[in-house]
Amino acid sequence: MRLLLQQAGEIARRSILQTLRQPAMVIPPIVFPLILMGINVGGLAQATNIPGFPPVDSYLDFAIAFPFIQGSLFASINAGSAVARDIETGFLNRLALTPMQRAALLLGNLSGVMVVALCSSLIYLTVGFIAGLHIEAGFLGVLVLLVLALLIALAFASIGSFVGLRTGSGEAVQGVFPLFFVFLFLSSSSLPRNVIEQDWFRTIATYNPISYLFEGLRSLIIFGWQGKELAMGFGFAAVIAVIGVVGSASALRTRLART
């Protein structure tokens, strides 16, 4: 176990350095979610007057969850692109000839993505607090929110890793991104499910797991502590993460068996 953690730590350090050397993998996950949040806050400010809308000081309290989810989608692209690049450059083939444990590659890459996701989450919160964000759950709620945000990032990053390992193509990973965005916008990202008027939209949002990720984050910000919403948020994030990690491990094993 100690050797595995040491090897994973080296891979994580490599992953972080590679990410930092490519501004295109660092700037968009931070800037784009904040820009879209700002657009939503400006354009949907009056939505707080809709009957049934949660009691918030401003739409910002509702919208701040958006950057965390969208940032996690970017994490999936970064993770998938990283492993696809390792395959395309032959790094994975060379790794197969070394004594390094295979799980260290997956664990290290995901750990590196988590570090970047944590930094992004702290920036989202900082911008939110500067803009007047109030978190009802207090300081402990902020910590729980960060844990949930990282679990969500892990969930999507593991899916990205699976696609990257399965296809070995950075283009294929990029091609999945629009599909993720469809799921993002067909959720409760902009309005609570109970105030969505279109039946088809509300039905899709209800069956969309991403809605419950949003609601888990928002429960800490708007209401304080809501056991059901938190359990659903952590539960769906954990299920997606398990599926992604198991799928990635299987794809990695298959990929290495070919070398």
Protein backbone atom coordinates (compact mmCIF):
# COMPACT_ATOMS: atom_id res chain seq x y z
CA MET A 1 0.00 0.00 0.00
CA ARG A 2 2.81 2.41 0.88
CA LEU A 3 4.52 1.74 -2.45
CA LEU A 4 1.23 2.23 -4.29
CA LEU A 5 0.69 5.60 -2.62
CA GLN A 6 4.26 6.69 -3.39
CA GLN A 7 3.89 5.74 -7.04
CA ALA A 8 0.46 7.36 -7.25
CA GLY A 9 1.92 10.50 -5.69
CA GLU A 10 4.54 10.72 -8.43
CA ILE A 11 1.90 10.24 -11.13
CA ALA A 12 -0.30 12.87 -9.43
CA ARG A 13 2.60 15.34 -9.36
CA ARG A 14 3.23 14.67 -13.04
CA SER A 15 -0.47 15.14 -13.80
CA ILE A 16 -0.62 18.47 -11.95
CA LEU A 17 2.53 19.79 -13.64
CA GLN A 18 1.28 18.76 -17.08
CA THR A 19 -2.02 20.52 -16.42
CA LEU A 20 -0.37 23.71 -15.18
CA ARG A 21 1.84 23.81 -18.28
CA GLN A 22 -1.27 23.93 -20.46
CA PRO A 23 -3.31 27.08 -19.76
CA ALA A 24 -6.12 25.71 -21.95
CA MET A 25 -6.68 23.01 -19.32
CA VAL A 26 -6.59 25.40 -16.36
CA ILE A 27 -8.25 28.65 -17.42
CA PRO A 28 -11.52 27.38 -19.02
CA PRO A 29 -12.59 25.26 -15.99
CA ILE A 30 -12.28 28.37 -13.82
CA VAL A 31 -13.35 31.22 -16.10
CA PHE A 32 -16.18 29.73 -18.18
CA PRO A 33 -18.29 28.48 -15.25
CA LEU A 34 -17.98 31.86 -13.55
CA ILE A 35 -18.94 33.69 -16.75
CA LEU A 36 -22.03 31.52 -17.26
CA MET A 37 -22.96 31.95 -13.61
CA GLY A 38 -22.68 35.72 -13.99
CA ILE A 39 -24.91 35.62 -17.07
CA ASN A 40 -27.51 33.56 -15.22
CA VAL A 41 -27.41 35.81 -12.16
CA GLY A 42 -27.96 38.86 -14.34
CA GLY A 43 -30.62 37.34 -16.57
CA LEU A 44 -32.61 35.34 -14.02
CA ALA A 45 -32.49 37.68 -11.03
CA GLN A 46 -36.29 38.07 -11.07
CA ALA A 47 -36.78 34.30 -10.95
CA THR A 48 -36.54 34.53 -7.17
CA ASN A 49 -40.03 36.10 -7.21
CA ILE A 50 -41.61 32.98 -8.72
CA PRO A 51 -43.95 31.28 -6.21
CA GLY A 52 -42.23 28.20 -4.84
CA PHE A 53 -38.70 29.48 -5.43
CA PRO A 54 -36.42 28.80 -2.43
CA PRO A 55 -35.95 31.66 0.07
CA VAL A 56 -32.70 33.29 -1.06
CA ASP A 57 -31.15 36.72 -0.60
CA SER A 58 -30.37 36.81 -4.32
CA TYR A 59 -30.26 34.47 -7.30
CA LEU A 60 -26.52 34.14 -6.64
CA ASP A 61 -27.26 31.83 -3.70
CA PHE A 62 -29.07 29.52 -6.10
CA ALA A 63 -26.68 29.88 -9.05
CA ILE A 64 -23.39 29.36 -7.20
CA ALA A 65 -23.78 25.58 -7.51
CA PHE A 66 -23.47 25.86 -11.30
CA PRO A 67 -19.69 26.49 -11.43
CA PHE A 68 -19.01 23.45 -9.26
CA ILE A 69 -20.92 21.12 -11.59
CA GLN A 70 -19.65 22.64 -14.82
CA GLY A 71 -16.11 22.69 -13.43
CA SER A 72 -16.50 18.97 -12.75
CA LEU A 73 -17.42 18.42 -16.38
CA PHE A 74 -14.19 20.14 -17.37
CA ALA A 75 -12.40 17.81 -14.93
CA SER A 76 -13.74 14.87 -16.91
CA ILE A 77 -12.22 16.28 -20.09
CA ASN A 78 -8.87 16.93 -18.40
CA ALA A 79 -8.73 13.42 -16.93
CA GLY A 80 -9.75 11.74 -20.17
CA SER A 81 -7.42 13.83 -22.30
CA ALA A 82 -4.51 13.09 -19.96
CA VAL A 83 -4.82 9.31 -20.21
CA ALA A 84 -5.52 9.50 -23.95
CA ARG A 85 -2.35 11.55 -24.38
CA ASP A 86 -0.39 8.95 -22.39
CA ILE A 87 -1.68 6.28 -24.76
CA GLU A 88 -0.97 8.28 -27.91
CA THR A 89 2.58 9.17 -26.82
CA GLY A 90 3.41 5.61 -25.79
CA PHE A 91 3.84 6.47 -22.11
CA LEU A 92 1.35 3.78 -21.10
CA ASN A 93 3.22 1.17 -23.11
CA ARG A 94 6.50 2.12 -21.45
CA LEU A 95 4.81 2.08 -18.05
CA ALA A 96 3.70 -1.50 -18.67
CA LEU A 97 7.39 -2.52 -18.82
CA THR A 98 8.18 -1.06 -15.38
CA PRO A 99 7.50 -2.45 -11.88
CA MET A 100 5.01 0.36 -11.24
CA GLN A 101 1.65 -0.90 -10.04
CA ARG A 102 -1.01 -0.33 -12.67
CA ALA A 103 -3.49 1.12 -10.18
CA ALA A 104 -0.99 3.90 -9.45
CA LEU A 105 -1.56 5.38 -12.92
CA LEU A 106 -5.31 5.64 -12.45
CA LEU A 107 -5.09 6.76 -8.83
CA GLY A 108 -2.37 9.29 -9.63
CA ASN A 109 -4.17 10.83 -12.60
CA LEU A 110 -7.43 11.15 -10.67
CA SER A 111 -5.60 12.60 -7.65
CA GLY A 112 -3.99 15.21 -9.86
CA VAL A 113 -7.38 16.19 -11.26
CA MET A 114 -8.76 16.42 -7.70
CA VAL A 115 -6.07 18.91 -6.70
CA VAL A 116 -6.95 21.13 -9.65
CA ALA A 117 -10.67 20.73 -8.85
CA LEU A 118 -10.07 21.77 -5.24
CA CYS A 119 -8.26 24.93 -6.34
CA SER A 120 -11.09 25.72 -8.76
CA SER A 121 -13.70 25.18 -6.03
CA LEU A 122 -11.90 27.55 -3.68
CA ILE A 123 -11.86 30.18 -6.42
CA TYR A 124 -15.60 29.73 -7.03
CA LEU A 125 -16.30 30.21 -3.33
CA THR A 126 -14.01 33.22 -3.09
CA VAL A 127 -15.74 34.93 -6.02
CA GLY A 128 -19.11 34.03 -4.53
CA PHE A 129 -18.27 35.50 -1.12
CA ILE A 130 -16.96 38.68 -2.74
CA ALA A 131 -20.27 38.96 -4.64
CA GLY A 132 -22.29 38.55 -1.44
CA LEU A 133 -22.81 34.80 -1.14
CA HIS A 134 -24.16 33.56 2.19
CA ILE A 135 -23.96 29.88 3.14
CA GLU A 136 -26.68 28.98 5.60
CA ALA A 137 -24.84 25.89 6.91
CA GLY A 138 -21.91 27.99 8.14
CA PHE A 139 -18.23 27.09 8.15
CA LEU A 140 -18.85 23.36 8.59
CA GLY A 141 -21.24 23.54 5.67
CA VAL A 142 -18.49 25.06 3.53
CA LEU A 143 -16.26 22.08 4.31
CA VAL A 144 -19.03 19.60 3.51
CA LEU A 145 -19.76 21.50 0.30
CA LEU A 146 -16.11 21.19 -0.74
CA VAL A 147 -16.13 17.46 0.00
CA LEU A 148 -19.26 16.99 -2.10
CA ALA A 149 -17.80 19.14 -4.89
CA LEU A 150 -14.65 17.00 -4.94
CA LEU A 151 -16.68 13.79 -4.99
CA ILE A 152 -18.64 15.14 -7.95
CA ALA A 153 -15.38 16.08 -9.68
CA LEU A 154 -14.05 12.57 -9.02
CA ALA A 155 -17.23 11.07 -10.45
CA PHE A 156 -17.00 12.92 -13.75
CA ALA A 157 -13.20 12.65 -13.93
CA SER A 158 -13.45 8.87 -13.61
CA ILE A 159 -15.98 8.80 -16.46
CA GLY A 160 -13.57 10.88 -18.52
CA SER A 161 -10.73 8.49 -17.68
CA PHE A 162 -12.87 5.55 -18.76
CA VAL A 163 -13.57 7.15 -22.14
CA GLY A 164 -9.90 8.04 -22.58
CA LEU A 165 -8.69 4.55 -21.70
CA ARG A 166 -11.38 2.85 -23.74
CA THR A 167 -10.84 4.86 -26.91
CA GLY A 168 -7.24 6.03 -26.56
CA SER A 169 -8.27 9.19 -28.37
CA GLY A 170 -8.30 12.75 -27.11
CA GLU A 171 -10.78 13.64 -29.87
CA ALA A 172 -13.22 11.02 -28.57
CA VAL A 173 -12.97 12.49 -25.08
CA GLN A 174 -13.68 15.96 -26.45
CA GLY A 175 -16.64 14.54 -28.34
CA VAL A 176 -18.29 13.39 -25.11
CA PHE A 177 -18.23 16.91 -23.65
CA PRO A 178 -21.32 18.19 -25.56
CA LEU A 179 -23.29 15.17 -24.31
CA PHE A 180 -22.41 16.08 -20.73
CA PHE A 181 -23.57 19.63 -21.40
CA VAL A 182 -26.97 18.35 -22.57
CA PHE A 183 -27.40 16.56 -19.24
CA LEU A 184 -26.23 19.70 -17.43
CA PHE A 185 -28.85 21.98 -18.95
CA LEU A 186 -31.66 19.40 -18.85
CA SER A 187 -31.50 19.47 -15.07
CA SER A 188 -32.39 21.85 -12.24
CA SER A 189 -29.35 23.96 -13.10
CA SER A 190 -31.29 27.20 -13.67
CA LEU A 191 -34.59 26.65 -11.84
CA PRO A 192 -35.82 24.35 -9.05
CA ARG A 193 -37.69 21.33 -10.36
CA ASN A 194 -40.90 22.35 -8.60
CA VAL A 195 -41.17 25.65 -10.53
CA ILE A 196 -40.36 24.27 -14.00
CA GLU A 197 -43.62 24.68 -15.91
CA GLN A 198 -42.97 22.42 -18.91
CA ASP A 199 -43.95 18.87 -17.95
CA TRP A 200 -41.43 17.20 -20.26
CA PHE A 201 -38.59 19.36 -18.94
CA ARG A 202 -39.56 18.74 -15.31
CA THR A 203 -39.80 14.99 -15.94
CA ILE A 204 -36.35 14.86 -17.55
CA ALA A 205 -34.89 16.97 -14.74
CA THR A 206 -36.43 14.63 -12.17
CA TYR A 207 -34.82 11.57 -13.74
CA ASN A 208 -31.53 13.36 -14.39
CA PRO A 209 -28.95 12.49 -11.67
CA ILE A 210 -27.26 15.86 -12.14
CA SER A 211 -30.33 17.57 -10.66
CA TYR A 212 -29.65 15.86 -7.34
CA LEU A 213 -26.01 16.92 -7.41
CA PHE A 214 -27.18 20.52 -7.76
CA GLU A 215 -29.72 20.11 -4.98
CA GLY A 216 -27.19 18.57 -2.62
CA LEU A 217 -24.89 21.58 -3.02
CA ARG A 218 -27.75 24.09 -2.78
CA SER A 219 -29.17 22.53 0.35
CA LEU A 220 -26.07 23.61 2.27
CA ILE A 221 -26.14 27.10 0.81
CA ILE A 222 -29.84 27.94 1.01
CA PHE A 223 -31.38 25.77 3.74
CA GLY A 224 -28.49 24.76 5.99
CA TRP A 225 -28.73 21.04 6.67
CA GLN A 226 -31.18 18.86 4.76
CA GLY A 227 -30.50 15.18 5.26
CA LYS A 228 -32.45 13.91 2.25
CA GLU A 229 -30.92 16.33 -0.26
CA LEU A 230 -27.41 15.76 1.06
CA ALA A 231 -27.87 11.99 1.03
CA MET A 232 -29.15 12.10 -2.55
CA GLY A 233 -26.31 14.36 -3.64
CA PHE A 234 -23.58 12.26 -2.04
CA GLY A 235 -25.33 9.05 -3.10
CA PHE A 236 -25.60 9.87 -6.80
CA ALA A 237 -22.07 11.28 -6.87
CA ALA A 238 -20.74 8.13 -5.20
CA VAL A 239 -22.60 5.82 -7.60
CA ILE A 240 -21.27 7.69 -10.65
CA ALA A 241 -17.76 7.64 -9.14
CA VAL A 242 -17.89 3.89 -8.49
CA ILE A 243 -19.13 3.20 -12.02
CA GLY A 244 -16.42 5.43 -13.47
CA VAL A 245 -13.57 4.04 -11.36
CA VAL A 246 -14.56 0.40 -11.93
CA GLY A 247 -14.97 1.06 -15.64
CA SER A 248 -11.62 2.86 -15.80
CA ALA A 249 -9.85 0.04 -13.94
CA SER A 250 -11.33 -2.51 -16.33
CA ALA A 251 -10.40 -0.42 -19.38
CA LEU A 252 -6.86 0.04 -18.03
CA ARG A 253 -6.47 -3.69 -17.49
CA THR A 254 -7.70 -4.38 -21.03
CA ARG A 255 -5.46 -1.69 -22.49
CA LEU A 256 -2.34 -3.02 -20.72
CA ALA A 257 -3.15 -6.59 -21.73
CA ARG A 258 -2.75 -5.51 -25.36
CA THR A 259 0.81 -4.22 -24.81
